[in-house]
Amino acid sequence: MHLVLIDAQTFRIRDYEPADRDAVLHLNLDALETDAGRDVDAVIDEFFPELRDIPAAYQQTGAFLVGVEDGAIVAMGGVQRVDDETYEIMRMRVAIPRRGRGYGRELLHALEKRAHERGARRIVLETATGLAVANRLYESEGYVETHRTRGEYSIGSVEIVHYEKRLA
């Protein structure tokens, strides 16, 4: 367990547990400010199917972590093995009212640590160009843009920035 005191709030990062499932599914959509009025299950099935079985998708070769504040899940993120030296950070989210408190940076550090412990020498991730705060966070933490693509997501067609970071 990772305990951080930020702005007089206790923010704790821990491993995902099966009881977290519904909170994680809702945080995933709420943090993206998307899909209002759509059936949560339909959106998850179409765009985020691996969140249906987090232990199988993340925990066997990677990790899925949640950030908890005052008993509520307010942040989440996973790291998956791509190959012997590469891991990918996925589904990093921070609840909108909790942004700007450093929770995303702490979660990113925890995910990088987990990947490194499993043998990662390189971490990759992707995010939409419209998520300026996320892009600045990754770049400030040493991630370098490798290329851009277009993708179809729950929020429509968006330009995706691909990043990588070499670990020491």
C-alpha atoms as a PDB file:
ATOM      1  CA  MET A   1       0.000   0.000   0.000  1.00  0.00           C
ATOM      2  CA  HIS A   2       1.191   3.489  -0.875  1.00  0.00           C
ATOM      3  CA  LEU A   3       0.067   6.353   1.393  1.00  0.00           C
ATOM      4  CA  VAL A   4       0.510   9.985   0.384  1.00  0.00           C
ATOM      5  CA  LEU A   5      -0.489  13.154   2.205  1.00  0.00           C
ATOM      6  CA  ILE A   6      -1.445  15.795  -0.355  1.00  0.00           C
ATOM      7  CA  ASP A   7      -3.218  19.066   0.509  1.00  0.00           C
ATOM      8  CA  ALA A   8      -4.104  17.719   3.961  1.00  0.00           C
ATOM      9  CA  GLN A   9      -6.044  14.849   2.339  1.00  0.00           C
ATOM     10  CA  THR A  10      -5.095  11.223   2.727  1.00  0.00           C
ATOM     11  CA  PHE A  11      -4.776   9.613  -0.688  1.00  0.00           C
ATOM     12  CA  ARG A  12      -3.931   5.925  -0.729  1.00  0.00           C
ATOM     13  CA  ILE A  13      -2.948   3.842  -3.743  1.00  0.00           C
ATOM     14  CA  ARG A  14      -3.669   0.142  -3.534  1.00  0.00           C
ATOM     15  CA  ASP A  15      -4.220  -2.900  -5.714  1.00  0.00           C
ATOM     16  CA  TYR A  16      -7.600  -3.343  -7.351  1.00  0.00           C
ATOM     17  CA  GLU A  17      -9.997  -5.677  -5.555  1.00  0.00           C
ATOM     18  CA  PRO A  18     -13.091  -7.338  -7.077  1.00  0.00           C
ATOM     19  CA  ALA A  19     -15.356  -5.199  -4.865  1.00  0.00           C
ATOM     20  CA  ASP A  20     -13.991  -2.114  -6.702  1.00  0.00           C
ATOM     21  CA  ARG A  21     -15.483  -3.160 -10.048  1.00  0.00           C
ATOM     22  CA  ASP A  22     -18.561  -0.908 -10.206  1.00  0.00           C
ATOM     23  CA  ALA A  23     -16.711   2.141  -8.883  1.00  0.00           C
ATOM     24  CA  VAL A  24     -13.939   1.612 -11.459  1.00  0.00           C
ATOM     25  CA  LEU A  25     -16.412   1.236 -14.334  1.00  0.00           C
ATOM     26  CA  HIS A  26     -18.180   4.468 -13.402  1.00  0.00           C
ATOM     27  CA  LEU A  27     -14.962   6.405 -12.731  1.00  0.00           C
ATOM     28  CA  ASN A  28     -13.678   5.359 -16.154  1.00  0.00           C
ATOM     29  CA  LEU A  29     -16.608   7.076 -17.870  1.00  0.00           C
ATOM     30  CA  ASP A  30     -17.073   9.977 -15.453  1.00  0.00           C
ATOM     31  CA  ALA A  31     -13.410  10.994 -15.712  1.00  0.00           C
ATOM     32  CA  LEU A  32     -13.692  11.152 -19.489  1.00  0.00           C
ATOM     33  CA  GLU A  33     -16.773  13.383 -19.274  1.00  0.00           C
ATOM     34  CA  THR A  34     -18.373  11.291 -21.949  1.00  0.00           C
ATOM     35  CA  ASP A  35     -21.270   9.041 -22.717  1.00  0.00           C
ATOM     36  CA  ALA A  36     -23.827  10.957 -20.653  1.00  0.00           C
ATOM     37  CA  GLY A  37     -27.109   9.167 -20.845  1.00  0.00           C
ATOM     38  CA  ARG A  38     -25.657   6.066 -22.514  1.00  0.00           C
ATOM     39  CA  ASP A  39     -25.916   2.665 -20.934  1.00  0.00           C
ATOM     40  CA  VAL A  40     -22.711   2.150 -18.931  1.00  0.00           C
ATOM     41  CA  ASP A  41     -22.586  -1.543 -19.809  1.00  0.00           C
ATOM     42  CA  ALA A  42     -22.868  -0.859 -23.540  1.00  0.00           C
ATOM     43  CA  VAL A  43     -20.071   1.716 -23.463  1.00  0.00           C
ATOM     44  CA  ILE A  44     -17.800  -0.566 -21.426  1.00  0.00           C
ATOM     45  CA  ASP A  45     -18.474  -3.508 -23.743  1.00  0.00           C
ATOM     46  CA  GLU A  46     -17.756  -1.465 -26.871  1.00  0.00           C
ATOM     47  CA  PHE A  47     -14.724   0.594 -25.831  1.00  0.00           C
ATOM     48  CA  PHE A  48     -13.274  -0.746 -22.562  1.00  0.00           C
ATOM     49  CA  PRO A  49     -13.954  -4.516 -22.523  1.00  0.00           C
ATOM     50  CA  GLU A  50     -10.850  -5.401 -20.489  1.00  0.00           C
ATOM     51  CA  LEU A  51     -12.377  -3.560 -17.517  1.00  0.00           C
ATOM     52  CA  ARG A  52     -14.943  -6.375 -17.283  1.00  0.00           C
ATOM     53  CA  ASP A  53     -12.236  -8.745 -15.992  1.00  0.00           C
ATOM     54  CA  ILE A  54      -9.423  -6.672 -14.530  1.00  0.00           C
ATOM     55  CA  PRO A  55      -7.647  -9.584 -12.832  1.00  0.00           C
ATOM     56  CA  ALA A  56      -7.334 -11.450 -16.145  1.00  0.00           C
ATOM     57  CA  ALA A  57      -6.452  -8.357 -18.182  1.00  0.00           C
ATOM     58  CA  TYR A  58      -3.975  -6.682 -15.863  1.00  0.00           C
ATOM     59  CA  GLN A  59      -3.006  -8.532 -12.749  1.00  0.00           C
ATOM     60  CA  GLN A  60      -1.417 -11.653 -14.222  1.00  0.00           C
ATOM     61  CA  THR A  61       1.439  -9.836 -15.982  1.00  0.00           C
ATOM     62  CA  GLY A  62       0.947  -6.267 -14.816  1.00  0.00           C
ATOM     63  CA  ALA A  63      -1.093  -4.428 -12.242  1.00  0.00           C
ATOM     64  CA  PHE A  64      -4.265  -2.407 -11.821  1.00  0.00           C
ATOM     65  CA  LEU A  65      -4.227   0.181  -9.056  1.00  0.00           C
ATOM     66  CA  VAL A  66      -6.866   2.402  -7.518  1.00  0.00           C
ATOM     67  CA  GLY A  67      -6.451   5.646  -5.613  1.00  0.00           C
ATOM     68  CA  VAL A  68      -8.710   6.012  -2.597  1.00  0.00           C
ATOM     69  CA  GLU A  69      -9.621   9.192  -0.733  1.00  0.00           C
ATOM     70  CA  ASP A  70     -12.019   9.122   2.217  1.00  0.00           C
ATOM     71  CA  GLY A  71     -13.130   5.606   1.267  1.00  0.00           C
ATOM     72  CA  ALA A  72     -14.000   6.491  -2.336  1.00  0.00           C
ATOM     73  CA  ILE A  73     -12.125   5.426  -5.451  1.00  0.00           C
ATOM     74  CA  VAL A  74     -11.005   8.685  -7.064  1.00  0.00           C
ATOM     75  CA  ALA A  75      -8.217   7.459  -9.360  1.00  0.00           C
ATOM     76  CA  MET A  76      -7.379   4.339 -11.330  1.00  0.00           C
ATOM     77  CA  GLY A  77      -4.863   2.976 -13.780  1.00  0.00           C
ATOM     78  CA  GLY A  78      -3.367  -0.194 -15.128  1.00  0.00           C
ATOM     79  CA  VAL A  79      -0.110  -1.414 -16.573  1.00  0.00           C
ATOM     80  CA  GLN A  80       0.063  -4.371 -18.968  1.00  0.00           C
ATOM     81  CA  ARG A  81       3.009  -6.340 -20.317  1.00  0.00           C
ATOM     82  CA  VAL A  82       3.571  -5.812 -24.043  1.00  0.00           C
ATOM     83  CA  ASP A  83       6.811  -7.797 -24.376  1.00  0.00           C
ATOM     84  CA  ASP A  84       9.813  -8.778 -22.236  1.00  0.00           C
ATOM     85  CA  GLU A  85      10.979  -5.186 -21.814  1.00  0.00           C
ATOM     86  CA  THR A  86       7.888  -3.087 -22.554  1.00  0.00           C
ATOM     87  CA  TYR A  87       4.810  -2.342 -20.469  1.00  0.00           C
ATOM     88  CA  GLU A  88       1.871  -0.123 -21.369  1.00  0.00           C
ATOM     89  CA  ILE A  89       0.072   2.191 -18.966  1.00  0.00           C
ATOM     90  CA  MET A  90      -3.648   2.199 -19.646  1.00  0.00           C
ATOM     91  CA  ARG A  91      -6.895   3.624 -18.297  1.00  0.00           C
ATOM     92  CA  MET A  92      -5.316   6.260 -16.066  1.00  0.00           C
ATOM     93  CA  ARG A  93      -8.174   8.322 -14.711  1.00  0.00           C
ATOM     94  CA  VAL A  94      -8.654  10.846 -11.896  1.00  0.00           C
ATOM     95  CA  ALA A  95     -12.120  11.934 -10.806  1.00  0.00           C
ATOM     96  CA  ILE A  96     -12.847  15.427 -12.093  1.00  0.00           C
ATOM     97  CA  PRO A  97     -13.357  17.023  -8.640  1.00  0.00           C
ATOM     98  CA  ARG A  98     -10.026  15.548  -7.459  1.00  0.00           C
ATOM     99  CA  ARG A  99      -7.861  16.824 -10.308  1.00  0.00           C
ATOM    100  CA  GLY A 100      -5.047  19.260  -9.602  1.00  0.00           C
ATOM    101  CA  ARG A 101      -4.069  17.582  -6.316  1.00  0.00           C
ATOM    102  CA  GLY A 102      -1.176  15.524  -7.650  1.00  0.00           C
ATOM    103  CA  TYR A 103      -3.077  12.225  -7.611  1.00  0.00           C
ATOM    104  CA  GLY A 104      -2.375  11.501 -11.279  1.00  0.00           C
ATOM    105  CA  ARG A 105       1.359  11.999 -10.794  1.00  0.00           C
ATOM    106  CA  GLU A 106       1.391   9.725  -7.728  1.00  0.00           C
ATOM    107  CA  LEU A 107      -0.561   7.067  -9.591  1.00  0.00           C
ATOM    108  CA  LEU A 108       1.778   7.324 -12.577  1.00  0.00           C
ATOM    109  CA  HIS A 109       4.791   6.826 -10.289  1.00  0.00           C
ATOM    110  CA  ALA A 110       3.157   3.781  -8.674  1.00  0.00           C
ATOM    111  CA  LEU A 111       2.372   2.224 -12.075  1.00  0.00           C
ATOM    112  CA  GLU A 112       5.915   2.861 -13.311  1.00  0.00           C
ATOM    113  CA  LYS A 113       7.299   1.231 -10.162  1.00  0.00           C
ATOM    114  CA  ARG A 114       5.132  -1.859 -10.684  1.00  0.00           C
ATOM    115  CA  ALA A 115       6.239  -2.143 -14.303  1.00  0.00           C
ATOM    116  CA  HIS A 116       9.898  -1.736 -13.334  1.00  0.00           C
ATOM    117  CA  GLU A 117       9.555  -4.428 -10.637  1.00  0.00           C
ATOM    118  CA  ARG A 118       8.280  -6.794 -13.345  1.00  0.00           C
ATOM    119  CA  GLY A 119      11.266  -6.106 -15.594  1.00  0.00           C
ATOM    120  CA  ALA A 120      10.158  -3.173 -17.728  1.00  0.00           C
ATOM    121  CA  ARG A 121      12.916  -1.210 -19.409  1.00  0.00           C
ATOM    122  CA  ARG A 122      10.449   0.836 -21.452  1.00  0.00           C
ATOM    123  CA  ILE A 123       6.927   2.113 -20.791  1.00  0.00           C
ATOM    124  CA  VAL A 124       4.514   3.210 -23.498  1.00  0.00           C
ATOM    125  CA  LEU A 125       1.161   4.933 -23.263  1.00  0.00           C
ATOM    126  CA  GLU A 126      -1.268   6.858 -25.372  1.00  0.00           C
ATOM    127  CA  THR A 127      -3.655   9.709 -24.754  1.00  0.00           C
ATOM    128  CA  ALA A 128      -5.837  12.037 -26.766  1.00  0.00           C
ATOM    129  CA  THR A 129      -4.371  15.332 -27.951  1.00  0.00           C
ATOM    130  CA  GLY A 130      -7.332  17.117 -26.354  1.00  0.00           C
ATOM    131  CA  LEU A 131      -6.276  15.984 -22.888  1.00  0.00           C
ATOM    132  CA  ALA A 132      -3.730  18.778 -22.479  1.00  0.00           C
ATOM    133  CA  VAL A 133      -3.213  18.275 -18.741  1.00  0.00           C
ATOM    134  CA  ALA A 134      -2.478  14.580 -19.248  1.00  0.00           C
ATOM    135  CA  ASN A 135      -0.057  15.360 -22.066  1.00  0.00           C
ATOM    136  CA  ARG A 136       1.780  17.892 -19.887  1.00  0.00           C
ATOM    137  CA  LEU A 137       1.956  15.399 -17.011  1.00  0.00           C
ATOM    138  CA  TYR A 138       3.509  12.691 -19.166  1.00  0.00           C
ATOM    139  CA  GLU A 139       5.975  15.056 -20.799  1.00  0.00           C
ATOM    140  CA  SER A 140       7.002  16.500 -17.409  1.00  0.00           C
ATOM    141  CA  GLU A 141       7.710  12.932 -16.249  1.00  0.00           C
ATOM    142  CA  GLY A 142      10.081  12.210 -19.132  1.00  0.00           C
ATOM    143  CA  TYR A 143       7.732  10.642 -21.675  1.00  0.00           C
ATOM    144  CA  VAL A 144       8.616  11.412 -25.290  1.00  0.00           C
ATOM    145  CA  GLU A 145       6.112  11.537 -28.127  1.00  0.00           C
ATOM    146  CA  THR A 146       6.822   8.820 -30.697  1.00  0.00           C
ATOM    147  CA  HIS A 147       3.968   9.320 -33.158  1.00  0.00           C
ATOM    148  CA  ARG A 148       0.299  10.206 -33.598  1.00  0.00           C
ATOM    149  CA  THR A 149      -2.655   8.250 -34.928  1.00  0.00           C
ATOM    150  CA  ARG A 150      -6.404   8.705 -35.245  1.00  0.00           C
ATOM    151  CA  GLY A 151      -8.713   6.436 -33.318  1.00  0.00           C
ATOM    152  CA  GLU A 152     -12.413   5.789 -32.812  1.00  0.00           C
ATOM    153  CA  TYR A 153     -13.333   5.975 -29.162  1.00  0.00           C
ATOM    154  CA  SER A 154     -16.443   6.492 -27.086  1.00  0.00           C
ATOM    155  CA  ILE A 155     -15.965  10.239 -27.521  1.00  0.00           C
ATOM    156  CA  GLY A 156     -15.679   9.977 -31.305  1.00  0.00           C
ATOM    157  CA  SER A 157     -12.761  10.199 -33.697  1.00  0.00           C
ATOM    158  CA  VAL A 158      -9.754  11.696 -31.937  1.00  0.00           C
ATOM    159  CA  GLU A 159      -6.056  12.240 -32.525  1.00  0.00           C
ATOM    160  CA  ILE A 160      -3.977  10.034 -30.251  1.00  0.00           C
ATOM    161  CA  VAL A 161      -0.472  10.879 -29.010  1.00  0.00           C
ATOM    162  CA  HIS A 162       1.779   7.862 -28.400  1.00  0.00           C
ATOM    163  CA  TYR A 163       4.496   8.254 -25.759  1.00  0.00           C
ATOM    164  CA  GLU A 164       7.369   6.191 -24.472  1.00  0.00           C
ATOM    165  CA  LYS A 165       9.781   6.429 -21.555  1.00  0.00           C
ATOM    166  CA  ARG A 166      12.996   4.476 -21.069  1.00  0.00           C
ATOM    167  CA  LEU A 167      13.623   3.309 -17.520  1.00  0.00           C
ATOM    168  CA  ALA A 168      17.041   3.210 -15.905  1.00  0.00           C
END
